Amino acid sequence: MVDEMEKKLIKLWKGVTLVSPEDRLAIEGLYSEALNQRRRRKRIRDVWDAITENSPKNPKEFKEELGVEYDEDVGVNFQSFADLI
């Protein structure tokens, strides 16, 4: 087990390419698509805010009743991920 880890470390230190350029492009494409979908969901939040603006119910209670969660409610910040590209 230790021998395998040392071999992997030596590979990393030597600068061996572990991910092919084609795989890297494919992963970046998937990542970009996921961020674009997240931006679309964020636009839906604007619509949600407009709907609940004149609602007699408390928006927090209404969200809980319908099972809606914002990214901030679960502690997710996608801005830091968007900066990676």
Protein backbone atom coordinates (compact mmCIF):
# COMPACT_ATOMS: atom_id res chain seq x y z
CA MET A 1 0.00 0.00 0.00
CA VAL A 2 2.74 2.45 0.96
CA ASP A 3 4.74 1.39 -2.10
CA GLU A 4 1.81 2.23 -4.39
CA MET A 5 1.38 5.65 -2.82
CA GLU A 6 5.07 6.40 -3.18
CA LYS A 7 4.93 5.46 -6.87
CA LYS A 8 1.97 7.79 -7.37
CA LEU A 9 3.77 10.60 -5.60
CA ILE A 10 6.87 10.10 -7.73
CA LYS A 11 4.68 10.30 -10.84
CA LEU A 12 3.20 13.56 -9.64
CA TRP A 13 6.60 15.02 -8.81
CA LYS A 14 7.92 14.16 -12.25
CA GLY A 15 5.11 16.12 -13.90
CA VAL A 16 3.53 13.25 -15.79
CA THR A 17 0.28 14.22 -17.50
CA LEU A 18 -2.43 12.40 -15.61
CA VAL A 19 -5.38 13.74 -17.62
CA SER A 20 -5.32 13.81 -21.38
CA PRO A 21 -6.13 17.12 -23.11
CA GLU A 22 -9.24 15.54 -24.65
CA ASP A 23 -10.53 14.44 -21.25
CA ARG A 24 -9.79 17.86 -19.82
CA LEU A 25 -11.81 19.57 -22.56
CA ALA A 26 -14.70 17.15 -22.04
CA ILE A 27 -14.72 17.79 -18.29
CA GLU A 28 -14.54 21.56 -18.78
CA GLY A 29 -17.50 21.34 -21.16
CA LEU A 30 -19.57 19.40 -18.63
CA TYR A 31 -18.60 21.83 -15.90
CA SER A 32 -19.56 24.84 -18.03
CA GLU A 33 -22.92 23.27 -18.85
CA ALA A 34 -23.60 22.65 -15.16
CA LEU A 35 -22.83 26.29 -14.35
CA ASN A 36 -25.12 27.47 -17.17
CA GLN A 37 -27.94 25.33 -15.79
CA ARG A 38 -27.35 26.81 -12.35
CA ARG A 39 -27.64 30.32 -13.81
CA ARG A 40 -30.97 29.37 -15.37
CA ARG A 41 -32.21 28.12 -12.01
CA LYS A 42 -31.14 31.41 -10.49
CA ARG A 43 -33.37 33.25 -12.98
CA ILE A 44 -36.26 31.14 -11.73
CA ARG A 45 -35.55 32.52 -8.28
CA ASP A 46 -36.29 36.00 -9.64
CA VAL A 47 -39.63 34.71 -10.91
CA TRP A 48 -40.28 33.09 -7.52
CA ASP A 49 -39.56 36.38 -5.78
CA ALA A 50 -42.04 38.17 -8.06
CA ILE A 51 -44.72 35.56 -7.34
CA THR A 52 -44.30 35.67 -3.57
CA GLU A 53 -43.96 39.45 -3.43
CA ASN A 54 -47.72 40.01 -3.06
CA SER A 55 -48.52 36.72 -1.40
CA PRO A 56 -50.28 36.95 1.97
CA LYS A 57 -48.13 34.09 3.30
CA ASN A 58 -44.68 34.51 4.73
CA PRO A 59 -42.25 33.62 1.87
CA LYS A 60 -40.15 31.39 4.15
CA GLU A 61 -43.18 29.40 5.27
CA PHE A 62 -44.42 29.14 1.68
CA LYS A 63 -40.99 27.83 0.56
CA GLU A 64 -41.01 25.21 3.30
CA GLU A 65 -44.56 24.19 2.45
CA LEU A 66 -43.65 23.63 -1.21
CA GLY A 67 -40.20 22.17 -0.48
CA VAL A 68 -38.27 24.87 -2.33
CA GLU A 69 -34.64 25.47 -1.32
CA TYR A 70 -32.28 28.21 -2.44
CA ASP A 71 -28.57 27.55 -2.82
CA GLU A 72 -27.93 29.83 0.13
CA ASP A 73 -30.33 27.81 2.29
CA VAL A 74 -28.11 24.76 2.00
CA GLY A 75 -24.83 26.67 2.18
CA VAL A 76 -23.75 26.42 -1.47
CA ASN A 77 -21.84 29.24 -3.16
CA PHE A 78 -21.38 28.66 -6.86
CA GLN A 79 -19.45 31.88 -7.45
CA SER A 80 -16.25 30.26 -6.19
CA PHE A 81 -16.76 27.41 -8.68
CA ALA A 82 -17.44 29.82 -11.54
CA ASP A 83 -14.08 31.49 -10.87
CA LEU A 84 -12.28 28.21 -11.62
CA ILE A 85 -12.87 28.50 -15.36
